[in-house]
PDB file of N, CA and C in Angstrom:
ATOM      1  N   MET A   1       0.570  -1.260   0.435  1.00  0.00           N
ATOM      2  CA  MET A   1      -0.234   0.097   0.141  1.00  0.00           C
ATOM      3  C   MET A   1       0.698   1.033  -0.030  1.00  0.00           C
ATOM      4  N   ALA A   2       0.453   1.922  -0.603  1.00  0.00           N
ATOM      5  CA  ALA A   2       0.779   3.677  -0.590  1.00  0.00           C
ATOM      6  C   ALA A   2       1.372   3.995   0.485  1.00  0.00           C
ATOM      7  N   GLY A   3       2.316   4.664   1.074  1.00  0.00           N
ATOM      8  CA  GLY A   3       2.057   6.102   2.171  1.00  0.00           C
ATOM      9  C   GLY A   3       2.126   4.579   3.421  1.00  0.00           C
ATOM     10  N   CYS A   4       2.301   3.650   3.431  1.00  0.00           N
ATOM     11  CA  CYS A   4       1.798   2.480   5.023  1.00  0.00           C
ATOM     12  C   CYS A   4       3.121   1.781   5.025  1.00  0.00           C
ATOM     13  N   ALA A   5       4.172   2.319   4.744  1.00  0.00           N
ATOM     14  CA  ALA A   5       5.958   1.871   5.316  1.00  0.00           C
ATOM     15  C   ALA A   5       5.975   1.770   6.776  1.00  0.00           C
ATOM     16  N   PRO A   6       6.276   0.912   7.044  1.00  0.00           N
ATOM     17  CA  PRO A   6       6.608  -0.339   8.454  1.00  0.00           C
ATOM     18  C   PRO A   6       7.014   0.943   9.315  1.00  0.00           C
ATOM     19  N   GLN A   7       6.581   1.254  10.929  1.00  0.00           N
ATOM     20  CA  GLN A   7       6.710   1.773  11.562  1.00  0.00           C
ATOM     21  C   GLN A   7       8.026   1.254  12.660  1.00  0.00           C
ATOM     22  N   THR A   8       8.873   2.235  13.227  1.00  0.00           N
ATOM     23  CA  THR A   8      10.153   1.574  14.266  1.00  0.00           C
ATOM     24  C   THR A   8       9.427   2.413  15.012  1.00  0.00           C
ATOM     25  N   TYR A   9       9.854   1.522  16.107  1.00  0.00           N
ATOM     26  CA  TYR A   9       9.568   2.850  17.436  1.00  0.00           C
ATOM     27  C   TYR A   9      10.881   2.046  18.210  1.00  0.00           C
ATOM     28  N   GLN A  10      11.381   3.194  18.589  1.00  0.00           N
ATOM     29  CA  GLN A  10      12.612   3.899  19.413  1.00  0.00           C
ATOM     30  C   GLN A  10      12.515   3.927  20.572  1.00  0.00           C
ATOM     31  N   SER A  11      12.747   2.648  22.640  1.00  0.00           N
ATOM     32  CA  SER A  11      12.293   3.696  23.816  1.00  0.00           C
ATOM     33  C   SER A  11      13.910   4.686  24.238  1.00  0.00           C
ATOM     34  N   ALA A  12      12.933   5.160  25.396  1.00  0.00           N
ATOM     35  CA  ALA A  12      13.510   6.008  25.331  1.00  0.00           C
ATOM     36  C   ALA A  12      14.912   5.970  25.673  1.00  0.00           C
ATOM     37  N   PRO A  13      16.165   6.734  25.903  1.00  0.00           N
ATOM     38  CA  PRO A  13      17.069   6.303  26.646  1.00  0.00           C
ATOM     39  C   PRO A  13      16.853   5.938  27.875  1.00  0.00           C
ATOM     40  N   VAL A  14      17.862   5.138  28.880  1.00  0.00           N
ATOM     41  CA  VAL A  14      17.694   5.072  30.552  1.00  0.00           C
ATOM     42  C   VAL A  14      18.192   6.723  30.854  1.00  0.00           C
ATOM     43  N   ASP A  15      17.281   7.501  31.843  1.00  0.00           N
ATOM     44  CA  ASP A  15      17.912   8.098  33.015  1.00  0.00           C
ATOM     45  C   ASP A  15      19.263   7.433  33.927  1.00  0.00           C
ATOM     46  N   ALA A  16      20.330   7.133  33.855  1.00  0.00           N
ATOM     47  CA  ALA A  16      20.780   6.482  34.501  1.00  0.00           C
ATOM     48  C   ALA A  16      20.826   6.498  35.871  1.00  0.00           C
ATOM     49  N   GLU A  17      20.958   7.962  35.981  1.00  0.00           N
ATOM     50  CA  GLU A  17      20.597   8.824  38.050  1.00  0.00           C
ATOM     51  C   GLU A  17      19.153   8.205  38.863  1.00  0.00           C
ATOM     52  N   ILE A  18      18.997   8.160  37.413  1.00  0.00           N
ATOM     53  CA  ILE A  18      17.356   8.238  37.947  1.00  0.00           C
ATOM     54  C   ILE A  18      16.700   6.351  38.197  1.00  0.00           C
ATOM     55  N   ALA A  19      17.858   5.393  37.340  1.00  0.00           N
ATOM     56  CA  ALA A  19      17.465   4.147  37.790  1.00  0.00           C
ATOM     57  C   ALA A  19      18.061   3.815  38.591  1.00  0.00           C
ATOM     58  N   ARG A  20      19.720   4.379  39.136  1.00  0.00           N
ATOM     59  CA  ARG A  20      20.070   3.778  39.938  1.00  0.00           C
ATOM     60  C   ARG A  20      19.494   3.850  40.880  1.00  0.00           C
ATOM     61  N   ASP A  21      18.984   5.297  41.465  1.00  0.00           N
ATOM     62  CA  ASP A  21      18.036   6.075  42.623  1.00  0.00           C
ATOM     63  C   ASP A  21      16.954   5.116  42.768  1.00  0.00           C
ATOM     64  N   THR A  22      16.374   4.626  42.017  1.00  0.00           N
ATOM     65  CA  THR A  22      15.026   3.727  41.256  1.00  0.00           C
ATOM     66  C   THR A  22      15.338   2.638  42.172  1.00  0.00           C
ATOM     67  N   LEU A  23      16.755   1.470  41.361  1.00  0.00           N
ATOM     68  CA  LEU A  23      16.968   0.114  42.495  1.00  0.00           C
ATOM     69  C   LEU A  23      17.325   0.065  43.874  1.00  0.00           C
ATOM     70  N   THR A  24      18.060   1.827  44.081  1.00  0.00           N
ATOM     71  CA  THR A  24      18.152   1.734  45.399  1.00  0.00           C
ATOM     72  C   THR A  24      16.778   1.945  46.648  1.00  0.00           C
ATOM     73  N   HIS A  25      15.665   2.411  45.943  1.00  0.00           N
ATOM     74  CA  HIS A  25      14.588   2.548  46.579  1.00  0.00           C
ATOM     75  C   HIS A  25      14.211   1.207  46.847  1.00  0.00           C
ATOM     76  N   VAL A  26      13.688   0.225  45.648  1.00  0.00           N
ATOM     77  CA  VAL A  26      13.367  -0.961  45.697  1.00  0.00           C
ATOM     78  C   VAL A  26      13.497  -1.888  46.369  1.00  0.00           C
ATOM     79  N   LEU A  27      15.487  -1.931  46.864  1.00  0.00           N
ATOM     80  CA  LEU A  27      16.205  -2.859  47.275  1.00  0.00           C
ATOM     81  C   LEU A  27      15.759  -2.212  48.645  1.00  0.00           C
ATOM     82  N   ASP A  28      16.015  -1.187  49.559  1.00  0.00           N
ATOM     83  CA  ASP A  28      15.282  -0.748  50.455  1.00  0.00           C
ATOM     84  C   ASP A  28      14.117  -1.270  50.940  1.00  0.00           C
ATOM     85  N   ALA A  29      13.262  -1.054  49.629  1.00  0.00           N
ATOM     86  CA  ALA A  29      11.786  -1.493  50.552  1.00  0.00           C
ATOM     87  C   ALA A  29      11.318  -2.908  50.401  1.00  0.00           C
ATOM     88  N   TRP A  30      12.351  -3.725  50.158  1.00  0.00           N
ATOM     89  CA  TRP A  30      12.396  -5.694  50.241  1.00  0.00           C
ATOM     90  C   TRP A  30      12.673  -5.700  51.148  1.00  0.00           C
ATOM     91  N   ARG A  31      13.950  -4.582  51.515  1.00  0.00           N
ATOM     92  CA  ARG A  31      14.630  -5.082  53.210  1.00  0.00           C
ATOM     93  C   ARG A  31      14.412  -4.910  54.282  1.00  0.00           C
ATOM     94  N   SER A  32      13.611  -3.695  54.007  1.00  0.00           N
ATOM     95  CA  SER A  32      12.403  -2.820  55.562  1.00  0.00           C
ATOM     96  C   SER A  32      11.167  -3.857  54.734  1.00  0.00           C
ATOM     97  N   GLY A  33      11.019  -5.185  54.523  1.00  0.00           N
ATOM     98  CA  GLY A  33       9.911  -5.881  54.766  1.00  0.00           C
ATOM     99  C   GLY A  33       8.170  -5.759  53.911  1.00  0.00           C
ATOM    100  N   GLN A  34       8.801  -4.458  52.652  1.00  0.00           N
ATOM    101  CA  GLN A  34       7.594  -3.942  51.907  1.00  0.00           C
ATOM    102  C   GLN A  34       6.828  -4.946  50.761  1.00  0.00           C
ATOM    103  N   SER A  35       5.815  -4.845  50.322  1.00  0.00           N
ATOM    104  CA  SER A  35       5.497  -5.757  49.397  1.00  0.00           C
ATOM    105  C   SER A  35       5.644  -5.110  48.148  1.00  0.00           C
ATOM    106  N   ILE A  36       5.584  -6.113  46.626  1.00  0.00           N
ATOM    107  CA  ILE A  36       6.368  -5.274  45.686  1.00  0.00           C
ATOM    108  C   ILE A  36       4.802  -4.792  45.347  1.00  0.00           C
ATOM    109  N   GLU A  37       3.446  -5.158  45.679  1.00  0.00           N
ATOM    110  CA  GLU A  37       2.584  -4.211  45.525  1.00  0.00           C
ATOM    111  C   GLU A  37       2.436  -2.864  45.566  1.00  0.00           C
ATOM    112  N   SER A  38       3.346  -3.138  46.971  1.00  0.00           N
ATOM    113  CA  SER A  38       3.204  -1.509  47.754  1.00  0.00           C
ATOM    114  C   SER A  38       3.797  -0.439  46.785  1.00  0.00           C
ATOM    115  N   LEU A  39       4.988  -1.250  45.856  1.00  0.00           N
ATOM    116  CA  LEU A  39       5.980  -0.104  44.799  1.00  0.00           C
ATOM    117  C   LEU A  39       4.773   0.335  43.892  1.00  0.00           C
ATOM    118  N   ARG A  40       3.941  -0.579  43.635  1.00  0.00           N
ATOM    119  CA  ARG A  40       2.929   0.270  42.541  1.00  0.00           C
ATOM    120  C   ARG A  40       1.970   1.066  42.720  1.00  0.00           C
ATOM    121  N   GLY A  41       1.923   1.409  44.277  1.00  0.00           N
ATOM    122  CA  GLY A  41       0.947   2.232  44.822  1.00  0.00           C
ATOM    123  C   GLY A  41       1.919   3.670  44.655  1.00  0.00           C
ATOM    124  N   GLU A  42       2.931   3.478  44.921  1.00  0.00           N
ATOM    125  CA  GLU A  42       3.310   5.000  45.137  1.00  0.00           C
ATOM    126  C   GLU A  42       3.612   6.173  43.907  1.00  0.00           C
ATOM    127  N   SER A  43       3.919   7.281  44.346  1.00  0.00           N
ATOM    128  CA  SER A  43       3.608   8.619  42.856  1.00  0.00           C
ATOM    129  C   SER A  43       5.679   8.561  43.133  1.00  0.00           C
ATOM    130  N   PRO A  44       5.708   8.397  41.670  1.00  0.00           N
ATOM    131  CA  PRO A  44       6.030   7.638  41.071  1.00  0.00           C
ATOM    132  C   PRO A  44       5.638   6.292  41.267  1.00  0.00           C
ATOM    133  N   ALA A  45       4.701   5.448  40.236  1.00  0.00           N
ATOM    134  CA  ALA A  45       4.781   3.946  40.770  1.00  0.00           C
ATOM    135  C   ALA A  45       5.635   3.030  39.955  1.00  0.00           C
ATOM    136  N   VAL A  46       6.185   2.142  40.910  1.00  0.00           N
ATOM    137  CA  VAL A  46       6.972   1.405  40.121  1.00  0.00           C
ATOM    138  C   VAL A  46       6.877  -0.293  40.205  1.00  0.00           C
ATOM    139  N   VAL A  47       6.919  -0.642  39.052  1.00  0.00           N
ATOM    140  CA  VAL A  47       6.826  -1.805  38.651  1.00  0.00           C
ATOM    141  C   VAL A  47       7.687  -2.620  38.419  1.00  0.00           C
ATOM    142  N   VAL A  48       7.807  -3.473  39.235  1.00  0.00           N
ATOM    143  CA  VAL A  48       8.950  -4.901  39.991  1.00  0.00           C
ATOM    144  C   VAL A  48       8.916  -6.462  39.596  1.00  0.00           C
ATOM    145  N   GLN A  49       9.333  -6.836  39.151  1.00  0.00           N
ATOM    146  CA  GLN A  49       9.381  -8.271  38.825  1.00  0.00           C
ATOM    147  C   GLN A  49      10.740  -9.124  39.860  1.00  0.00           C
ATOM    148  N   ASP A  50      11.013  -9.524  40.987  1.00  0.00           N
ATOM    149  CA  ASP A  50      11.720 -10.219  41.369  1.00  0.00           C
ATOM    150  C   ASP A  50      10.815 -11.462  42.234  1.00  0.00           C
ATOM    151  N   PHE A  51      11.224 -12.841  41.165  1.00  0.00           N
ATOM    152  CA  PHE A  51      11.001 -14.487  41.993  1.00  0.00           C
ATOM    153  C   PHE A  51      11.134 -14.625  43.511  1.00  0.00           C
ATOM    154  N   ASP A  52      11.874 -13.823  43.919  1.00  0.00           N
ATOM    155  CA  ASP A  52      12.651 -14.463  45.320  1.00  0.00           C
ATOM    156  C   ASP A  52      11.720 -13.546  46.128  1.00  0.00           C
ATOM    157  N   TRP A  53      11.774 -12.224  45.897  1.00  0.00           N
ATOM    158  CA  TRP A  53      11.008 -11.102  46.762  1.00  0.00           C
ATOM    159  C   TRP A  53       9.133 -11.723  46.743  1.00  0.00           C
ATOM    160  N   MET A  54       8.676 -12.526  45.667  1.00  0.00           N
ATOM    161  CA  MET A  54       7.390 -12.833  45.593  1.00  0.00           C
ATOM    162  C   MET A  54       7.310 -14.082  46.189  1.00  0.00           C
ATOM    163  N   ARG A  55       8.268 -15.239  46.590  1.00  0.00           N
ATOM    164  CA  ARG A  55       8.065 -16.434  46.442  1.00  0.00           C
ATOM    165  C   ARG A  55       7.866 -15.946  48.488  1.00  0.00           C
ATOM    166  N   GLY A  56       8.395 -14.836  48.880  1.00  0.00           N
ATOM    167  CA  GLY A  56       8.372 -14.621  50.266  1.00  0.00           C
ATOM    168  C   GLY A  56      10.124 -14.366  50.700  1.00  0.00           C
ATOM    169  N   ASP A  57      11.175 -14.261  49.751  1.00  0.00           N
ATOM    170  CA  ASP A  57      12.552 -14.044  50.819  1.00  0.00           C
ATOM    171  C   ASP A  57      11.851 -12.790  51.303  1.00  0.00           C
ATOM    172  N   LYS A  58      13.215 -12.930  52.516  1.00  0.00           N
ATOM    173  CA  LYS A  58      13.879 -11.314  53.099  1.00  0.00           C
ATOM    174  C   LYS A  58      14.803 -11.168  52.319  1.00  0.00           C
ATOM    175  N   LEU A  59      14.322 -10.081  52.059  1.00  0.00           N
ATOM    176  CA  LEU A  59      16.114  -9.022  52.217  1.00  0.00           C
ATOM    177  C   LEU A  59      16.807  -8.820  53.043  1.00  0.00           C
ATOM    178  N   VAL A  60      18.245  -9.392  53.163  1.00  0.00           N
ATOM    179  CA  VAL A  60      19.057  -9.347  54.709  1.00  0.00           C
ATOM    180  C   VAL A  60      19.737  -8.350  54.326  1.00  0.00           C
ATOM    181  N   GLU A  61      20.923  -8.428  53.138  1.00  0.00           N
ATOM    182  CA  GLU A  61      21.601  -6.761  52.704  1.00  0.00           C
ATOM    183  C   GLU A  61      21.716  -7.497  51.381  1.00  0.00           C
ATOM    184  N   TYR A  62      22.589  -6.276  50.880  1.00  0.00           N
ATOM    185  CA  TYR A  62      22.022  -6.198  49.988  1.00  0.00           C
ATOM    186  C   TYR A  62      23.558  -5.331  49.146  1.00  0.00           C
ATOM    187  N   GLN A  63      23.428  -5.019  48.110  1.00  0.00           N
ATOM    188  CA  GLN A  63      25.248  -4.084  47.383  1.00  0.00           C
ATOM    189  C   GLN A  63      24.988  -4.455  46.132  1.00  0.00           C
ATOM    190  N   ILE A  64      24.666  -2.806  46.243  1.00  0.00           N
ATOM    191  CA  ILE A  64      24.983  -2.631  44.145  1.00  0.00           C
ATOM    192  C   ILE A  64      26.291  -2.308  43.810  1.00  0.00           C
ATOM    193  N   LEU A  65      26.676  -3.575  42.553  1.00  0.00           N
ATOM    194  CA  LEU A  65      27.904  -3.354  42.471  1.00  0.00           C
ATOM    195  C   LEU A  65      28.662  -2.697  41.370  1.00  0.00           C
ATOM    196  N   GLY A  66      28.896  -1.786  41.646  1.00  0.00           N
ATOM    197  CA  GLY A  66      29.284  -0.715  40.228  1.00  0.00           C
ATOM    198  C   GLY A  66      28.076   0.322  40.239  1.00  0.00           C
ATOM    199  N   PRO A  67      27.939   1.200  39.029  1.00  0.00           N
ATOM    200  CA  PRO A  67      27.327   1.651  38.608  1.00  0.00           C
ATOM    201  C   PRO A  67      26.149   1.290  37.567  1.00  0.00           C
ATOM    202  N   GLY A  68      26.665   0.141  36.761  1.00  0.00           N
ATOM    203  CA  GLY A  68      25.742  -0.408  36.018  1.00  0.00           C
ATOM    204  C   GLY A  68      26.608   0.114  34.844  1.00  0.00           C
ATOM    205  N   GLN A  69      25.087  -0.563  34.038  1.00  0.00           N
ATOM    206  CA  GLN A  69      25.751  -0.473  32.210  1.00  0.00           C
ATOM    207  C   GLN A  69      24.668   0.465  31.591  1.00  0.00           C
ATOM    208  N   GLU A  70      24.497   0.780  31.234  1.00  0.00           N
ATOM    209  CA  GLU A  70      23.929   1.920  29.905  1.00  0.00           C
ATOM    210  C   GLU A  70      23.414   0.591  29.231  1.00  0.00           C
ATOM    211  N   ALA A  71      22.192   0.850  28.613  1.00  0.00           N
ATOM    212  CA  ALA A  71      21.716  -0.532  27.230  1.00  0.00           C
ATOM    213  C   ALA A  71      20.304  -0.059  27.335  1.00  0.00           C
ATOM    214  N   ASN A  72      20.475   1.214  26.070  1.00  0.00           N
ATOM    215  CA  ASN A  72      19.047   1.565  25.976  1.00  0.00           C
ATOM    216  C   ASN A  72      18.420   2.158  26.151  1.00  0.00           C
ATOM    217  N   ALA A  73      17.557   1.325  26.642  1.00  0.00           N
ATOM    218  CA  ALA A  73      16.193   1.335  27.584  1.00  0.00           C
ATOM    219  C   ALA A  73      16.158   0.995  29.167  1.00  0.00           C
ATOM    220  N   ASN A  74      17.295  -0.085  29.299  1.00  0.00           N
ATOM    221  CA  ASN A  74      17.809  -0.322  30.655  1.00  0.00           C
ATOM    222  C   ASN A  74      19.022   0.158  30.990  1.00  0.00           C
ATOM    223  N   LEU A  75      19.351  -0.110  32.586  1.00  0.00           N
ATOM    224  CA  LEU A  75      21.032   0.159  33.020  1.00  0.00           C
ATOM    225  C   LEU A  75      20.757  -1.161  33.587  1.00  0.00           C
ATOM    226  N   ILE A  76      21.933  -1.923  32.986  1.00  0.00           N
ATOM    227  CA  ILE A  76      21.800  -3.420  34.024  1.00  0.00           C
ATOM    228  C   ILE A  76      22.834  -3.437  34.766  1.00  0.00           C
ATOM    229  N   ALA A  77      22.107  -3.446  35.947  1.00  0.00           N
ATOM    230  CA  ALA A  77      23.402  -3.499  37.232  1.00  0.00           C
ATOM    231  C   ALA A  77      23.189  -4.619  37.858  1.00  0.00           C
ATOM    232  N   LYS A  78      24.454  -5.153  38.820  1.00  0.00           N
ATOM    233  CA  LYS A  78      24.688  -6.471  39.071  1.00  0.00           C
ATOM    234  C   LYS A  78      24.619  -6.174  40.803  1.00  0.00           C
ATOM    235  N   VAL A  79      23.802  -7.045  41.777  1.00  0.00           N
ATOM    236  CA  VAL A  79      23.579  -6.576  42.996  1.00  0.00           C
ATOM    237  C   VAL A  79      23.739  -8.092  43.489  1.00  0.00           C
ATOM    238  N   ARG A  80      24.828  -7.879  44.568  1.00  0.00           N
ATOM    239  CA  ARG A  80      24.998  -9.107  45.620  1.00  0.00           C
ATOM    240  C   ARG A  80      23.897  -8.770  46.528  1.00  0.00           C
ATOM    241  N   LEU A  81      23.200 -10.018  46.980  1.00  0.00           N
ATOM    242  CA  LEU A  81      21.517 -10.290  47.728  1.00  0.00           C
ATOM    243  C   LEU A  81      22.169 -11.271  48.444  1.00  0.00           C
ATOM    244  N   VAL A  82      21.768 -10.970  50.030  1.00  0.00           N
ATOM    245  CA  VAL A  82      21.484 -11.826  51.014  1.00  0.00           C
ATOM    246  C   VAL A  82      20.373 -12.128  51.125  1.00  0.00           C
ATOM    247  N   LEU A  83      19.907 -13.250  50.777  1.00  0.00           N
ATOM    248  CA  LEU A  83      18.470 -13.806  51.052  1.00  0.00           C
ATOM    249  C   LEU A  83      18.087 -14.410  52.176  1.00  0.00           C
ATOM    250  N   GLN A  84      16.974 -14.336  52.815  1.00  0.00           N
ATOM    251  CA  GLN A  84      16.605 -14.903  54.131  1.00  0.00           C
ATOM    252  C   GLN A  84      15.514 -15.893  53.588  1.00  0.00           C
ATOM    253  N   ARG A  85      15.299 -17.379  53.214  1.00  0.00           N
ATOM    254  CA  ARG A  85      14.654 -18.430  52.540  1.00  0.00           C
ATOM    255  C   ARG A  85      13.217 -18.929  53.886  1.00  0.00           C
ATOM    256  N   PRO A  86      11.637 -18.559  52.702  1.00  0.00           N
ATOM    257  CA  PRO A  86      11.170 -18.998  54.069  1.00  0.00           C
ATOM    258  C   PRO A  86      11.492 -19.759  55.059  1.00  0.00           C
ATOM    259  N   ASP A  87      12.125 -20.506  54.745  1.00  0.00           N
ATOM    260  CA  ASP A  87      12.903 -22.340  55.287  1.00  0.00           C
ATOM    261  C   ASP A  87      13.522 -21.480  56.402  1.00  0.00           C
ATOM    262  N   HIS A  88      13.845 -20.466  56.530  1.00  0.00           N
ATOM    263  CA  HIS A  88      15.503 -19.708  57.252  1.00  0.00           C
ATOM    264  C   HIS A  88      16.605 -19.872  57.132  1.00  0.00           C
ATOM    265  N   GLU A  89      16.572 -20.707  55.759  1.00  0.00           N
ATOM    266  CA  GLU A  89      18.142 -20.789  55.077  1.00  0.00           C
ATOM    267  C   GLU A  89      18.640 -19.628  54.933  1.00  0.00           C
ATOM    268  N   VAL A  90      19.645 -19.110  55.264  1.00  0.00           N
ATOM    269  CA  VAL A  90      20.434 -18.072  54.473  1.00  0.00           C
ATOM    270  C   VAL A  90      21.427 -18.428  53.311  1.00  0.00           C
ATOM    271  N   GLN A  91      21.224 -17.333  52.562  1.00  0.00           N
ATOM    272  CA  GLN A  91      21.762 -17.557  50.833  1.00  0.00           C
ATOM    273  C   GLN A  91      22.548 -16.621  50.607  1.00  0.00           C
ATOM    274  N   GLU A  92      23.559 -16.431  49.641  1.00  0.00           N
ATOM    275  CA  GLU A  92      23.945 -15.210  48.922  1.00  0.00           C
ATOM    276  C   GLU A  92      24.178 -15.414  47.614  1.00  0.00           C
ATOM    277  N   GLN A  93      24.107 -14.224  47.088  1.00  0.00           N
ATOM    278  CA  GLN A  93      24.006 -14.764  45.578  1.00  0.00           C
ATOM    279  C   GLN A  93      23.787 -13.090  44.469  1.00  0.00           C
ATOM    280  N   THR A  94      24.467 -13.331  44.062  1.00  0.00           N
ATOM    281  CA  THR A  94      25.156 -11.982  43.079  1.00  0.00           C
ATOM    282  C   THR A  94      23.784 -12.457  41.478  1.00  0.00           C
ATOM    283  N   VAL A  95      23.229 -11.145  41.636  1.00  0.00           N
ATOM    284  CA  VAL A  95      21.794 -11.366  40.286  1.00  0.00           C
ATOM    285  C   VAL A  95      22.101 -10.153  39.319  1.00  0.00           C
ATOM    286  N   THR A  96      21.349 -10.113  38.434  1.00  0.00           N
ATOM    287  CA  THR A  96      21.227  -8.981  37.267  1.00  0.00           C
ATOM    288  C   THR A  96      19.801  -8.483  37.398  1.00  0.00           C
ATOM    289  N   TYR A  97      19.960  -7.080  37.315  1.00  0.00           N
ATOM    290  CA  TYR A  97      18.265  -6.447  36.971  1.00  0.00           C
ATOM    291  C   TYR A  97      18.848  -5.432  36.526  1.00  0.00           C
ATOM    292  N   LEU A  98      17.130  -5.353  35.213  1.00  0.00           N
ATOM    293  CA  LEU A  98      17.303  -4.438  34.275  1.00  0.00           C
ATOM    294  C   LEU A  98      16.718  -3.332  34.927  1.00  0.00           C
ATOM    295  N   VAL A  99      16.708  -2.324  34.474  1.00  0.00           N
ATOM    296  CA  VAL A  99      16.213  -0.813  35.638  1.00  0.00           C
ATOM    297  C   VAL A  99      15.896  -0.059  34.140  1.00  0.00           C
ATOM    298  N   GLY A 100      14.437   0.317  34.251  1.00  0.00           N
ATOM    299  CA  GLY A 100      14.341   1.089  33.027  1.00  0.00           C
ATOM    300  C   GLY A 100      13.405   2.207  33.929  1.00  0.00           C
ATOM    301  N   THR A 101      13.719   3.430  33.021  1.00  0.00           N
ATOM    302  CA  THR A 101      13.203   4.856  33.553  1.00  0.00           C
ATOM    303  C   THR A 101      11.812   5.125  32.790  1.00  0.00           C
ATOM    304  N   ALA A 102      11.620   5.209  31.603  1.00  0.00           N
ATOM    305  CA  ALA A 102      11.264   5.335  30.555  1.00  0.00           C
ATOM    306  C   ALA A 102       9.866   4.704  29.410  1.00  0.00           C
ATOM    307  N   PRO A 103       8.608   3.917  30.193  1.00  0.00           N
ATOM    308  CA  PRO A 103       7.500   5.557  30.526  1.00  0.00           C
ATOM    309  C   PRO A 103       7.090   5.451  32.081  1.00  0.00           C
ATOM    310  N   THR A 104       7.519   4.149  32.375  1.00  0.00           N
ATOM    311  CA  THR A 104       7.712   3.889  33.493  1.00  0.00           C
ATOM    312  C   THR A 104       8.874   3.152  34.467  1.00  0.00           C
ATOM    313  N   LEU A 105       8.813   3.424  35.229  1.00  0.00           N
ATOM    314  CA  LEU A 105       9.979   3.407  36.308  1.00  0.00           C
ATOM    315  C   LEU A 105       9.425   1.656  36.375  1.00  0.00           C
ATOM    316  N   THR A 106      10.751   0.729  36.317  1.00  0.00           N
ATOM    317  CA  THR A 106      10.229  -0.478  36.314  1.00  0.00           C
ATOM    318  C   THR A 106      11.978  -1.550  36.636  1.00  0.00           C
ATOM    319  N   VAL A 107      12.322  -2.393  37.565  1.00  0.00           N
ATOM    320  CA  VAL A 107      13.039  -3.087  38.335  1.00  0.00           C
ATOM    321  C   VAL A 107      12.513  -4.246  37.230  1.00  0.00           C
ATOM    322  N   PHE A 108      13.114  -5.624  36.910  1.00  0.00           N
ATOM    323  CA  PHE A 108      13.123  -6.614  36.971  1.00  0.00           C
ATOM    324  C   PHE A 108      14.275  -7.590  37.002  1.00  0.00           C
ATOM    325  N   ARG A 109      14.423  -8.479  37.687  1.00  0.00           N
ATOM    326  CA  ARG A 109      15.205  -9.364  37.493  1.00  0.00           C
ATOM    327  C   ARG A 109      15.494 -10.137  36.554  1.00  0.00           C
ATOM    328  N   ASP A 110      17.304 -10.417  35.747  1.00  0.00           N
ATOM    329  CA  ASP A 110      17.179 -11.156  34.337  1.00  0.00           C
ATOM    330  C   ASP A 110      17.289 -12.029  34.899  1.00  0.00           C
ATOM    331  N   ILE A 111      16.204 -13.099  34.450  1.00  0.00           N
ATOM    332  CA  ILE A 111      16.138 -14.118  34.909  1.00  0.00           C
ATOM    333  C   ILE A 111      17.795 -15.495  34.464  1.00  0.00           C
ATOM    334  N   PHE A 112      18.461 -14.414  33.155  1.00  0.00           N
ATOM    335  CA  PHE A 112      18.826 -15.349  32.347  1.00  0.00           C
ATOM    336  C   PHE A 112      20.125 -15.136  32.897  1.00  0.00           C
ATOM    337  N   HIS A 113      20.655 -14.258  33.685  1.00  0.00           N
ATOM    338  CA  HIS A 113      22.205 -14.368  34.142  1.00  0.00           C
ATOM    339  C   HIS A 113      22.139 -14.143  35.573  1.00  0.00           C
TER     340      HIS A 113
END
């Protein structure tokens, strides 16, 4: 069809400072015992996906490892977590989060890394 060229959409680049602040805020909320759902009710809302948190693991301690890497719409951040499982076992792991800032604040655990 004439005039129907395929459109390409490009995500807004990540705002690294806001992304780092958002990640810290989310991890502090988890450590203080808040729920993922409570973050959606904040202004601005934060959409979070972390299966350990959703399962009921408690965050005992965390350390963000470096400034992260900007990759298009996300900040890729490595974080050392110390978790207490529902059976009270304590486990330490290093995970990767993908943090977005537009159009919504998002913090997703990268399940592939």
